Amino acid sequence: MLTSGGHARLGRTEIRKYGCNTCHEISGVPGARGLIGPRLDGIGQRYYIAGELPNTPDNLMLWIQHPPTSRAAIPRCQEMGVTETG
């Protein structure tokens, strides 16, 4: 299942609010030119998150709210206080 829905304009604001743009490059988001984390272009069309977790809306929200910090294969993303309600 591929993710869909959401609000692009609100998403761009939230990306800057939580500082995702400092590590990730995301087309269409001003200032999102980070080089530490993976590019997030087309994340909704990917089948897996980080190559291991099925890309469903619930899994993606869980990953964003509580990113794994023990994996050595990816840069460590910190808890940024992201909630469903913003």
PDB file of N, CA and C in Angstrom:
ATOM      1  N   MET A   1       0.838  -1.175   0.000  1.00  0.00           N
ATOM      2  CA  MET A   1       0.000   0.000   0.000  1.00  0.00           C
ATOM      3  C   MET A   1       0.886   1.242   0.000  1.00  0.00           C
ATOM      4  N   LEU A   2       0.612   2.157  -0.875  1.00  0.00           N
ATOM      5  CA  LEU A   2       1.359   3.403  -0.926  1.00  0.00           C
ATOM      6  C   LEU A   2       0.593   4.466  -0.153  1.00  0.00           C
ATOM      7  N   THR A   3       1.320   5.373   0.463  1.00  0.00           N
ATOM      8  CA  THR A   3       0.659   6.414   1.244  1.00  0.00           C
ATOM      9  C   THR A   3       0.089   7.485   0.330  1.00  0.00           C
ATOM     10  N   SER A   4      -0.950   8.112   0.784  1.00  0.00           N
ATOM     11  CA  SER A   4      -1.558   9.202   0.036  1.00  0.00           C
ATOM     12  C   SER A   4      -2.274  10.122   1.011  1.00  0.00           C
ATOM     13  N   GLY A   5      -2.763  11.219   0.477  1.00  0.00           N
ATOM     14  CA  GLY A   5      -3.485  12.160   1.325  1.00  0.00           C
ATOM     15  C   GLY A   5      -2.549  13.197   1.908  1.00  0.00           C
ATOM     16  N   GLY A   6      -2.998  13.855   2.931  1.00  0.00           N
ATOM     17  CA  GLY A   6      -2.191  14.888   3.568  1.00  0.00           C
ATOM     18  C   GLY A   6      -2.433  16.233   2.915  1.00  0.00           C
ATOM     19  N   HIS A   7      -1.756  17.219   3.427  1.00  0.00           N
ATOM     20  CA  HIS A   7      -1.888  18.590   2.953  1.00  0.00           C
ATOM     21  C   HIS A   7      -0.502  19.130   2.650  1.00  0.00           C
ATOM     22  N   ALA A   8      -0.189  19.280   1.357  1.00  0.00           N
ATOM     23  CA  ALA A   8       1.160  19.670   0.936  1.00  0.00           C
ATOM     24  C   ALA A   8       1.598  20.988   1.560  1.00  0.00           C
ATOM     25  N   ARG A   9       0.748  21.991   1.546  1.00  0.00           N
ATOM     26  CA  ARG A   9       1.135  23.296   2.085  1.00  0.00           C
ATOM     27  C   ARG A   9       1.427  23.206   3.586  1.00  0.00           C
ATOM     28  N   LEU A  10       0.556  22.523   4.319  1.00  0.00           N
ATOM     29  CA  LEU A  10       0.778  22.340   5.752  1.00  0.00           C
ATOM     30  C   LEU A  10       2.033  21.510   5.987  1.00  0.00           C
ATOM     31  N   GLY A  11       2.237  20.496   5.147  1.00  0.00           N
ATOM     32  CA  GLY A  11       3.424  19.658   5.284  1.00  0.00           C
ATOM     33  C   GLY A  11       4.711  20.445   5.128  1.00  0.00           C
ATOM     34  N   ARG A  12       4.755  21.353   4.152  1.00  0.00           N
ATOM     35  CA  ARG A  12       5.956  22.184   3.965  1.00  0.00           C
ATOM     36  C   ARG A  12       6.225  23.031   5.206  1.00  0.00           C
ATOM     37  N   THR A  13       5.171  23.552   5.818  1.00  0.00           N
ATOM     38  CA  THR A  13       5.312  24.352   7.035  1.00  0.00           C
ATOM     39  C   THR A  13       5.819  23.493   8.190  1.00  0.00           C
ATOM     40  N   GLU A  14       5.246  22.307   8.338  1.00  0.00           N
ATOM     41  CA  GLU A  14       5.647  21.415   9.434  1.00  0.00           C
ATOM     42  C   GLU A  14       7.090  20.938   9.264  1.00  0.00           C
ATOM     43  N   ILE A  15       7.510  20.693   8.037  1.00  0.00           N
ATOM     44  CA  ILE A  15       8.887  20.263   7.775  1.00  0.00           C
ATOM     45  C   ILE A  15       9.869  21.304   8.294  1.00  0.00           C
ATOM     46  N   ARG A  16       9.568  22.574   8.051  1.00  0.00           N
ATOM     47  CA  ARG A  16      10.441  23.641   8.564  1.00  0.00           C
ATOM     48  C   ARG A  16      10.294  23.793  10.065  1.00  0.00           C
ATOM     49  N   LYS A  17       9.070  23.685  10.569  1.00  0.00           N
ATOM     50  CA  LYS A  17       8.808  23.822  12.012  1.00  0.00           C
ATOM     51  C   LYS A  17       9.628  22.819  12.825  1.00  0.00           C
ATOM     52  N   TYR A  18       9.671  21.574  12.368  1.00  0.00           N
ATOM     53  CA  TYR A  18      10.370  20.530  13.110  1.00  0.00           C
ATOM     54  C   TYR A  18      11.827  20.352  12.689  1.00  0.00           C
ATOM     55  N   GLY A  19      12.285  21.113  11.732  1.00  0.00           N
ATOM     56  CA  GLY A  19      13.694  21.077  11.346  1.00  0.00           C
ATOM     57  C   GLY A  19      14.087  19.939  10.434  1.00  0.00           C
ATOM     58  N   CYS A  20      13.115  19.260   9.825  1.00  0.00           N
ATOM     59  CA  CYS A  20      13.430  18.149   8.914  1.00  0.00           C
ATOM     60  C   CYS A  20      14.289  18.625   7.748  1.00  0.00           C
ATOM     61  N   ASN A  21      14.087  19.880   7.353  1.00  0.00           N
ATOM     62  CA  ASN A  21      14.808  20.447   6.214  1.00  0.00           C
ATOM     63  C   ASN A  21      16.299  20.606   6.475  1.00  0.00           C
ATOM     64  N   THR A  22      16.737  20.525   7.710  1.00  0.00           N
ATOM     65  CA  THR A  22      18.164  20.665   7.987  1.00  0.00           C
ATOM     66  C   THR A  22      18.943  19.398   7.630  1.00  0.00           C
ATOM     67  N   CYS A  23      18.269  18.243   7.613  1.00  0.00           N
ATOM     68  CA  CYS A  23      18.944  16.983   7.288  1.00  0.00           C
ATOM     69  C   CYS A  23      18.509  16.386   5.957  1.00  0.00           C
ATOM     70  N   HIS A  24      17.290  16.691   5.523  1.00  0.00           N
ATOM     71  CA  HIS A  24      16.728  16.071   4.326  1.00  0.00           C
ATOM     72  C   HIS A  24      16.585  17.055   3.181  1.00  0.00           C
ATOM     73  N   GLU A  25      16.778  16.558   1.969  1.00  0.00           N
ATOM     74  CA  GLU A  25      16.498  17.334   0.755  1.00  0.00           C
ATOM     75  C   GLU A  25      15.112  16.934   0.271  1.00  0.00           C
ATOM     76  N   ILE A  26      14.265  17.952   0.046  1.00  0.00           N
ATOM     77  CA  ILE A  26      12.892  17.698  -0.380  1.00  0.00           C
ATOM     78  C   ILE A  26      12.523  18.737  -1.426  1.00  0.00           C
ATOM     79  N   SER A  27      12.290  18.296  -2.655  1.00  0.00           N
ATOM     80  CA  SER A  27      11.904  19.217  -3.722  1.00  0.00           C
ATOM     81  C   SER A  27      10.616  19.930  -3.350  1.00  0.00           C
ATOM     82  N   GLY A  28      10.550  21.218  -3.661  1.00  0.00           N
ATOM     83  CA  GLY A  28       9.345  21.994  -3.401  1.00  0.00           C
ATOM     84  C   GLY A  28       9.261  22.563  -2.010  1.00  0.00           C
ATOM     85  N   VAL A  29      10.239  22.279  -1.162  1.00  0.00           N
ATOM     86  CA  VAL A  29      10.255  22.823   0.195  1.00  0.00           C
ATOM     87  C   VAL A  29      11.437  23.779   0.292  1.00  0.00           C
ATOM     88  N   PRO A  30      11.157  25.080   0.365  1.00  0.00           N
ATOM     89  CA  PRO A  30      12.246  26.050   0.453  1.00  0.00           C
ATOM     90  C   PRO A  30      13.182  25.746   1.626  1.00  0.00           C
ATOM     91  N   GLY A  31      14.462  25.728   1.356  1.00  0.00           N
ATOM     92  CA  GLY A  31      15.468  25.503   2.394  1.00  0.00           C
ATOM     93  C   GLY A  31      15.706  24.047   2.747  1.00  0.00           C
ATOM     94  N   ALA A  32      14.979  23.121   2.157  1.00  0.00           N
ATOM     95  CA  ALA A  32      15.179  21.697   2.464  1.00  0.00           C
ATOM     96  C   ALA A  32      16.276  21.145   1.570  1.00  0.00           C
ATOM     97  N   ARG A  33      17.511  21.443   1.951  1.00  0.00           N
ATOM     98  CA  ARG A  33      18.675  21.035   1.163  1.00  0.00           C
ATOM     99  C   ARG A  33      19.687  20.258   2.005  1.00  0.00           C
ATOM    100  N   GLY A  34      19.187  19.604   3.053  1.00  0.00           N
ATOM    101  CA  GLY A  34      20.066  18.847   3.935  1.00  0.00           C
ATOM    102  C   GLY A  34      20.738  17.696   3.224  1.00  0.00           C
ATOM    103  N   LEU A  35      21.916  17.339   3.689  1.00  0.00           N
ATOM    104  CA  LEU A  35      22.699  16.268   3.062  1.00  0.00           C
ATOM    105  C   LEU A  35      22.977  15.112   4.014  1.00  0.00           C
ATOM    106  N   ILE A  36      22.432  15.153   5.224  1.00  0.00           N
ATOM    107  CA  ILE A  36      22.712  14.099   6.200  1.00  0.00           C
ATOM    108  C   ILE A  36      21.765  12.918   6.029  1.00  0.00           C
ATOM    109  N   GLY A  37      20.463  13.203   5.968  1.00  0.00           N
ATOM    110  CA  GLY A  37      19.458  12.153   5.811  1.00  0.00           C
ATOM    111  C   GLY A  37      19.153  11.905   4.344  1.00  0.00           C
ATOM    112  N   PRO A  38      18.352  10.882   4.052  1.00  0.00           N
ATOM    113  CA  PRO A  38      18.008  10.573   2.660  1.00  0.00           C
ATOM    114  C   PRO A  38      17.070  11.612   2.056  1.00  0.00           C
ATOM    115  N   ARG A  39      17.078  11.712   0.735  1.00  0.00           N
ATOM    116  CA  ARG A  39      16.110  12.562   0.020  1.00  0.00           C
ATOM    117  C   ARG A  39      14.720  12.016   0.302  1.00  0.00           C
ATOM    118  N   LEU A  40      13.770  12.910   0.482  1.00  0.00           N
ATOM    119  CA  LEU A  40      12.409  12.481   0.774  1.00  0.00           C
ATOM    120  C   LEU A  40      11.461  12.684  -0.406  1.00  0.00           C
ATOM    121  N   ASP A  41      11.999  13.031  -1.563  1.00  0.00           N
ATOM    122  CA  ASP A  41      11.163  13.148  -2.755  1.00  0.00           C
ATOM    123  C   ASP A  41      10.506  11.801  -3.047  1.00  0.00           C
ATOM    124  N   GLY A  42       9.220  11.817  -3.297  1.00  0.00           N
ATOM    125  CA  GLY A  42       8.513  10.602  -3.671  1.00  0.00           C
ATOM    126  C   GLY A  42       8.329   9.593  -2.564  1.00  0.00           C
ATOM    127  N   ILE A  43       8.452  10.009  -1.310  1.00  0.00           N
ATOM    128  CA  ILE A  43       8.325   9.063  -0.195  1.00  0.00           C
ATOM    129  C   ILE A  43       6.980   8.334  -0.232  1.00  0.00           C
ATOM    130  N   GLY A  44       5.928   9.009  -0.690  1.00  0.00           N
ATOM    131  CA  GLY A  44       4.612   8.383  -0.744  1.00  0.00           C
ATOM    132  C   GLY A  44       4.500   7.269  -1.763  1.00  0.00           C
ATOM    133  N   GLN A  45       5.407   7.230  -2.735  1.00  0.00           N
ATOM    134  CA  GLN A  45       5.371   6.190  -3.758  1.00  0.00           C
ATOM    135  C   GLN A  45       6.309   5.018  -3.451  1.00  0.00           C
ATOM    136  N   ARG A  46       7.049   5.108  -2.355  1.00  0.00           N
ATOM    137  CA  ARG A  46       7.959   4.024  -2.001  1.00  0.00           C
ATOM    138  C   ARG A  46       7.189   2.911  -1.289  1.00  0.00           C
ATOM    139  N   TYR A  47       7.602   1.687  -1.505  1.00  0.00           N
ATOM    140  CA  TYR A  47       6.946   0.546  -0.878  1.00  0.00           C
ATOM    141  C   TYR A  47       7.403   0.325   0.555  1.00  0.00           C
ATOM    142  N   TYR A  48       8.634   0.760   0.865  1.00  0.00           N
ATOM    143  CA  TYR A  48       9.176   0.565   2.206  1.00  0.00           C
ATOM    144  C   TYR A  48       9.779   1.853   2.736  1.00  0.00           C
ATOM    145  N   ILE A  49       9.737   2.014   4.036  1.00  0.00           N
ATOM    146  CA  ILE A  49      10.393   3.114   4.729  1.00  0.00           C
ATOM    147  C   ILE A  49      11.751   2.585   5.165  1.00  0.00           C
ATOM    148  N   ALA A  50      12.816   3.280   4.751  1.00  0.00           N
ATOM    149  CA  ALA A  50      14.192   2.872   5.070  1.00  0.00           C
ATOM    150  C   ALA A  50      14.478   1.432   4.657  1.00  0.00           C
ATOM    151  N   GLY A  51      13.790   0.940   3.648  1.00  0.00           N
ATOM    152  CA  GLY A  51      14.051  -0.388   3.125  1.00  0.00           C
ATOM    153  C   GLY A  51      13.583  -1.535   3.989  1.00  0.00           C
ATOM    154  N   GLU A  52      12.832  -1.250   5.071  1.00  0.00           N
ATOM    155  CA  GLU A  52      12.479  -2.357   5.960  1.00  0.00           C
ATOM    156  C   GLU A  52      11.041  -2.358   6.462  1.00  0.00           C
ATOM    157  N   LEU A  53      10.392  -1.229   6.522  1.00  0.00           N
ATOM    158  CA  LEU A  53       9.056  -1.140   7.103  1.00  0.00           C
ATOM    159  C   LEU A  53       8.054  -0.824   6.000  1.00  0.00           C
ATOM    160  N   PRO A  54       6.981  -1.622   5.840  1.00  0.00           N
ATOM    161  CA  PRO A  54       5.999  -1.324   4.798  1.00  0.00           C
ATOM    162  C   PRO A  54       5.512   0.125   4.904  1.00  0.00           C
ATOM    163  N   ASN A  55       5.452   0.798   3.782  1.00  0.00           N
ATOM    164  CA  ASN A  55       5.090   2.221   3.747  1.00  0.00           C
ATOM    165  C   ASN A  55       3.573   2.371   3.774  1.00  0.00           C
ATOM    166  N   THR A  56       3.032   2.370   4.980  1.00  0.00           N
ATOM    167  CA  THR A  56       1.612   2.626   5.190  1.00  0.00           C
ATOM    168  C   THR A  56       1.491   3.951   5.931  1.00  0.00           C
ATOM    169  N   PRO A  57       0.333   4.605   5.896  1.00  0.00           N
ATOM    170  CA  PRO A  57       0.184   5.860   6.637  1.00  0.00           C
ATOM    171  C   PRO A  57       0.519   5.703   8.120  1.00  0.00           C
ATOM    172  N   ASP A  58       0.050   4.627   8.757  1.00  0.00           N
ATOM    173  CA  ASP A  58       0.329   4.428  10.185  1.00  0.00           C
ATOM    174  C   ASP A  58       1.820   4.243  10.452  1.00  0.00           C
ATOM    175  N   ASN A  59       2.497   3.432   9.620  1.00  0.00           N
ATOM    176  CA  ASN A  59       3.930   3.216   9.815  1.00  0.00           C
ATOM    177  C   ASN A  59       4.732   4.492   9.582  1.00  0.00           C
ATOM    178  N   LEU A  60       4.338   5.263   8.574  1.00  0.00           N
ATOM    179  CA  LEU A  60       5.063   6.502   8.301  1.00  0.00           C
ATOM    180  C   LEU A  60       4.884   7.496   9.447  1.00  0.00           C
ATOM    181  N   MET A  61       3.664   7.601   9.975  1.00  0.00           N
ATOM    182  CA  MET A  61       3.453   8.498  11.120  1.00  0.00           C
ATOM    183  C   MET A  61       4.265   8.035  12.323  1.00  0.00           C
ATOM    184  N   LEU A  62       4.289   6.718  12.567  1.00  0.00           N
ATOM    185  CA  LEU A  62       5.073   6.189  13.685  1.00  0.00           C
ATOM    186  C   LEU A  62       6.556   6.488  13.503  1.00  0.00           C
ATOM    187  N   TRP A  63       7.065   6.284  12.282  1.00  0.00           N
ATOM    188  CA  TRP A  63       8.488   6.533  11.994  1.00  0.00           C
ATOM    189  C   TRP A  63       8.842   8.004  12.215  1.00  0.00           C
ATOM    190  N   ILE A  64       7.965   8.901  11.761  1.00  0.00           N
ATOM    191  CA  ILE A  64       8.227  10.338  11.914  1.00  0.00           C
ATOM    192  C   ILE A  64       8.142  10.750  13.379  1.00  0.00           C
ATOM    193  N   GLN A  65       7.164  10.217  14.101  1.00  0.00           N
ATOM    194  CA  GLN A  65       6.989  10.587  15.503  1.00  0.00           C
ATOM    195  C   GLN A  65       8.055   9.973  16.403  1.00  0.00           C
ATOM    196  N   HIS A  66       8.470   8.749  16.087  1.00  0.00           N
ATOM    197  CA  HIS A  66       9.442   8.032  16.928  1.00  0.00           C
ATOM    198  C   HIS A  66      10.476   7.351  16.043  1.00  0.00           C
ATOM    199  N   PRO A  67      11.393   8.132  15.475  1.00  0.00           N
ATOM    200  CA  PRO A  67      12.388   7.535  14.571  1.00  0.00           C
ATOM    201  C   PRO A  67      13.309   6.585  15.325  1.00  0.00           C
ATOM    202  N   PRO A  68      13.674   5.482  14.676  1.00  0.00           N
ATOM    203  CA  PRO A  68      14.603   4.560  15.334  1.00  0.00           C
ATOM    204  C   PRO A  68      15.957   5.234  15.513  1.00  0.00           C
ATOM    205  N   THR A  69      16.555   5.046  16.669  1.00  0.00           N
ATOM    206  CA  THR A  69      17.837   5.702  16.946  1.00  0.00           C
ATOM    207  C   THR A  69      18.981   4.705  17.104  1.00  0.00           C
ATOM    208  N   SER A  70      18.691   3.411  17.007  1.00  0.00           N
ATOM    209  CA  SER A  70      19.745   2.429  17.250  1.00  0.00           C
ATOM    210  C   SER A  70      20.341   1.835  15.986  1.00  0.00           C
ATOM    211  N   ARG A  71      19.818   2.205  14.817  1.00  0.00           N
ATOM    212  CA  ARG A  71      20.333   1.631  13.579  1.00  0.00           C
ATOM    213  C   ARG A  71      21.632   2.311  13.173  1.00  0.00           C
ATOM    214  N   ALA A  72      22.650   1.537  12.942  1.00  0.00           N
ATOM    215  CA  ALA A  72      23.936   2.096  12.526  1.00  0.00           C
ATOM    216  C   ALA A  72      23.955   2.424  11.041  1.00  0.00           C
ATOM    217  N   ALA A  73      23.044   1.836  10.268  1.00  0.00           N
ATOM    218  CA  ALA A  73      23.059   1.989   8.816  1.00  0.00           C
ATOM    219  C   ALA A  73      22.569   3.356   8.345  1.00  0.00           C
ATOM    220  N   ILE A  74      21.849   4.071   9.189  1.00  0.00           N
ATOM    221  CA  ILE A  74      21.340   5.381   8.804  1.00  0.00           C
ATOM    222  C   ILE A  74      21.775   6.408   9.825  1.00  0.00           C
ATOM    223  N   PRO A  75      21.871   7.668   9.424  1.00  0.00           N
ATOM    224  CA  PRO A  75      22.153   8.699  10.426  1.00  0.00           C
ATOM    225  C   PRO A  75      21.048   8.691  11.476  1.00  0.00           C
ATOM    226  N   ARG A  76      21.414   8.988  12.669  1.00  0.00           N
ATOM    227  CA  ARG A  76      20.447   8.959  13.759  1.00  0.00           C
ATOM    228  C   ARG A  76      19.559  10.185  13.745  1.00  0.00           C
ATOM    229  N   CYS A  77      18.284   9.948  13.642  1.00  0.00           N
ATOM    230  CA  CYS A  77      17.300  11.014  13.694  1.00  0.00           C
ATOM    231  C   CYS A  77      16.777  11.093  15.121  1.00  0.00           C
ATOM    232  N   GLN A  78      16.720  12.272  15.644  1.00  0.00           N
ATOM    233  CA  GLN A  78      16.279  12.470  17.015  1.00  0.00           C
ATOM    234  C   GLN A  78      14.773  12.656  17.090  1.00  0.00           C
ATOM    235  N   GLU A  79      14.203  12.374  18.251  1.00  0.00           N
ATOM    236  CA  GLU A  79      12.797  12.694  18.496  1.00  0.00           C
ATOM    237  C   GLU A  79      12.672  14.211  18.424  1.00  0.00           C
ATOM    238  N   MET A  80      11.760  14.683  17.593  1.00  0.00           N
ATOM    239  CA  MET A  80      11.597  16.120  17.395  1.00  0.00           C
ATOM    240  C   MET A  80      10.298  16.647  17.982  1.00  0.00           C
ATOM    241  N   GLY A  81       9.567  15.815  18.713  1.00  0.00           N
ATOM    242  CA  GLY A  81       8.315  16.250  19.302  1.00  0.00           C
ATOM    243  C   GLY A  81       7.161  16.321  18.328  1.00  0.00           C
ATOM    244  N   VAL A  82       7.252  15.580  17.237  1.00  0.00           N
ATOM    245  CA  VAL A  82       6.204  15.591  16.218  1.00  0.00           C
ATOM    246  C   VAL A  82       4.989  14.832  16.763  1.00  0.00           C
ATOM    247  N   THR A  83       3.819  15.428  16.586  1.00  0.00           N
ATOM    248  CA  THR A  83       2.562  14.791  16.992  1.00  0.00           C
ATOM    249  C   THR A  83       1.603  14.786  15.807  1.00  0.00           C
ATOM    250  N   GLU A  84       0.538  14.013  15.917  1.00  0.00           N
ATOM    251  CA  GLU A  84      -0.460  13.986  14.832  1.00  0.00           C
ATOM    252  C   GLU A  84      -1.138  15.332  14.645  1.00  0.00           C
ATOM    253  N   THR A  85      -1.286  16.069  15.716  1.00  0.00           N
ATOM    254  CA  THR A  85      -1.993  17.348  15.641  1.00  0.00           C
ATOM    255  C   THR A  85      -1.073  18.509  15.376  1.00  0.00           C
ATOM    256  N   GLY A  86       0.219  18.263  15.272  1.00  0.00           N
ATOM    257  CA  GLY A  86       1.162  19.328  14.950  1.00  0.00           C
ATOM    258  C   GLY A  86       1.560  20.050  16.161  1.00  0.00           C
TER     259      GLY A  86
END
